[in-house]
C-alpha atoms as a PDB file:
ATOM      1  CA  UNK A   1     160.718  28.128  30.178  1.00  0.00           C
ATOM      2  CA  UNK A   2     161.624  24.830  28.135  1.00  0.00           C
ATOM      3  CA  UNK A   3     164.809  26.149  26.907  1.00  0.00           C
ATOM      4  CA  UNK A   4     165.790  26.745  30.682  1.00  0.00           C
ATOM      5  CA  UNK A   5     164.686  23.496  31.338  1.00  0.00           C
ATOM      6  CA  UNK A   6     166.952  21.782  29.096  1.00  0.00           C
ATOM      7  CA  UNK A   7     170.061  23.562  29.671  1.00  0.00           C
ATOM      8  CA  UNK A   8     169.212  23.064  33.676  1.00  0.00           C
ATOM      9  CA  UNK A   9     168.948  19.139  32.982  1.00  0.00           C
ATOM     10  CA  UNK A  10     171.715  19.488  30.345  1.00  0.00           C
ATOM     11  CA  UNK A  11     169.527  17.851  27.499  1.00  0.00           C
ATOM     12  CA  UNK A  12     171.746  18.131  24.283  1.00  0.00           C
ATOM     13  CA  UNK A  13     171.349  17.356  20.576  1.00  0.00           C
ATOM     14  CA  UNK A  14     172.486  14.665  18.889  1.00  0.00           C
ATOM     15  CA  UNK A  15     174.085  14.247  15.519  1.00  0.00           C
ATOM     16  CA  UNK A  16     171.829  11.972  14.850  1.00  0.00           C
ATOM     17  CA  UNK A  17     168.942  13.794  15.508  1.00  0.00           C
ATOM     18  CA  UNK A  18     170.445  16.471  13.533  1.00  0.00           C
ATOM     19  CA  UNK A  19     170.763  14.666  10.540  1.00  0.00           C
ATOM     20  CA  UNK A  20     167.055  12.970  11.182  1.00  0.00           C
ATOM     21  CA  UNK A  21     165.639  16.540  11.296  1.00  0.00           C
ATOM     22  CA  UNK A  22     167.721  17.613   8.036  1.00  0.00           C
ATOM     23  CA  UNK A  23     166.353  14.692   6.412  1.00  0.00           C
ATOM     24  CA  UNK A  24     162.753  15.766   7.529  1.00  0.00           C
ATOM     25  CA  UNK A  25     163.165  19.473   6.397  1.00  0.00           C
ATOM     26  CA  UNK A  26     164.690  18.214   2.659  1.00  0.00           C
ATOM     27  CA  UNK A  27     161.747  16.117   2.281  1.00  0.00           C
ATOM     28  CA  UNK A  28     159.578  19.006   2.476  1.00  0.00           C
ATOM     29  CA  UNK A  29     161.170  20.324  -0.766  1.00  0.00           C
ATOM     30  CA  UNK A  30     161.438  17.332  -2.835  1.00  0.00           C
ATOM     31  CA  UNK A  31     163.725  17.762  -6.255  1.00  0.00           C
ATOM     32  CA  UNK A  32     165.872  20.334  -3.885  1.00  0.00           C
ATOM     33  CA  UNK A  33     167.117  18.144  -1.508  1.00  0.00           C
ATOM     34  CA  UNK A  34     170.862  19.295  -2.136  1.00  0.00           C
ATOM     35  CA  UNK A  35     170.169  22.986  -2.160  1.00  0.00           C
ATOM     36  CA  UNK A  36     168.963  22.640   1.351  1.00  0.00           C
ATOM     37  CA  UNK A  37     171.453  20.521   2.822  1.00  0.00           C
ATOM     38  CA  UNK A  38     173.961  23.032   0.950  1.00  0.00           C
ATOM     39  CA  UNK A  39     172.075  25.945   2.810  1.00  0.00           C
ATOM     40  CA  UNK A  40     172.277  24.292   5.996  1.00  0.00           C
ATOM     41  CA  UNK A  41     175.933  23.294   5.825  1.00  0.00           C
ATOM     42  CA  UNK A  42     176.732  27.088   5.081  1.00  0.00           C
ATOM     43  CA  UNK A  43     174.133  29.296   7.382  1.00  0.00           C
ATOM     44  CA  UNK A  44     175.286  28.048  10.686  1.00  0.00           C
ATOM     45  CA  UNK A  45     172.259  29.860  12.430  1.00  0.00           C
ATOM     46  CA  UNK A  46     170.206  28.283  10.412  1.00  0.00           C
ATOM     47  CA  UNK A  47     171.120  24.519  11.527  1.00  0.00           C
ATOM     48  CA  UNK A  48     170.861  26.083  15.129  1.00  0.00           C
ATOM     49  CA  UNK A  49     166.888  26.631  14.385  1.00  0.00           C
ATOM     50  CA  UNK A  50     167.059  23.132  13.787  1.00  0.00           C
ATOM     51  CA  UNK A  51     167.995  22.539  17.291  1.00  0.00           C
ATOM     52  CA  UNK A  52     165.210  24.165  18.839  1.00  0.00           C
ATOM     53  CA  UNK A  53     161.851  21.860  18.436  1.00  0.00           C
ATOM     54  CA  UNK A  54     164.188  19.018  19.278  1.00  0.00           C
ATOM     55  CA  UNK A  55     165.322  19.945  22.298  1.00  0.00           C
ATOM     56  CA  UNK A  56     161.703  21.354  23.148  1.00  0.00           C
ATOM     57  CA  UNK A  57     160.686  17.953  22.493  1.00  0.00           C
ATOM     58  CA  UNK A  58     162.948  15.989  24.667  1.00  0.00           C
ATOM     59  CA  UNK A  59     162.551  18.880  27.377  1.00  0.00           C
ATOM     60  CA  UNK A  60     158.582  17.965  27.145  1.00  0.00           C
ATOM     61  CA  UNK A  61     159.539  14.401  27.033  1.00  0.00           C
ATOM     62  CA  UNK A  62     162.127  14.538  30.439  1.00  0.00           C
ATOM     63  CA  UNK A  63     159.350  16.590  32.289  1.00  0.00           C
ATOM     64  CA  UNK A  64     156.699  14.188  31.516  1.00  0.00           C
ATOM     65  CA  UNK A  65     158.976  10.997  32.407  1.00  0.00           C
ATOM     66  CA  UNK A  66     160.073  11.945  35.318  1.00  0.00           C
ATOM     67  CA  UNK A  67     158.519  15.066  37.096  1.00  0.00           C
ATOM     68  CA  UNK A  68     155.024  14.641  36.210  1.00  0.00           C
ATOM     69  CA  UNK A  69     153.053  12.510  38.227  1.00  0.00           C
ATOM     70  CA  UNK A  70     149.834  11.336  36.518  1.00  0.00           C
ATOM     71  CA  UNK A  71     147.464   9.209  37.952  1.00  0.00           C
ATOM     72  CA  UNK A  72     143.779   7.951  36.638  1.00  0.00           C
ATOM     73  CA  UNK A  73     140.685   8.822  38.473  1.00  0.00           C
ATOM     74  CA  UNK A  74     137.514   7.321  37.605  1.00  0.00           C
ATOM     75  CA  UNK A  75     134.896  10.044  37.472  1.00  0.00           C
ATOM     76  CA  UNK A  76     131.274  10.149  36.964  1.00  0.00           C
ATOM     77  CA  UNK A  77     130.302  12.494  34.207  1.00  0.00           C
ATOM     78  CA  UNK A  78     128.052  14.834  36.010  1.00  0.00           C
ATOM     79  CA  UNK A  79     130.916  15.314  38.458  1.00  0.00           C
ATOM     80  CA  UNK A  80     133.851  15.723  35.486  1.00  0.00           C
ATOM     81  CA  UNK A  81     130.909  18.493  34.439  1.00  0.00           C
ATOM     82  CA  UNK A  82     131.232  20.036  37.416  1.00  0.00           C
ATOM     83  CA  UNK A  83     134.767  19.996  37.943  1.00  0.00           C
ATOM     84  CA  UNK A  84     135.215  21.578  34.051  1.00  0.00           C
ATOM     85  CA  UNK A  85     133.103  24.062  35.024  1.00  0.00           C
ATOM     86  CA  UNK A  86     134.724  25.146  38.449  1.00  0.00           C
ATOM     87  CA  UNK A  87     138.320  25.300  36.430  1.00  0.00           C
ATOM     88  CA  UNK A  88     137.113  27.359  33.721  1.00  0.00           C
ATOM     89  CA  UNK A  89     137.767  24.998  31.005  1.00  0.00           C
END
């Protein structure tokens, strides 16, 4: 669903975002940074897989920024407990 939303909103991953993701990934393998970067350079599919979480995060950010209206409502504890019971939470 998020990928459809991202496609519809024409959300994309910038080169800088991809570089940042690659840098974060390489930090998880100390001493093997060069090999990891080489791996991604030689495997475009693996590089594409790095884009997925970035697009998902951008889609969620976009939804909360533009699609969802959040309002706060003060509620007594008892009323909240009844509401949660009714909603099955």
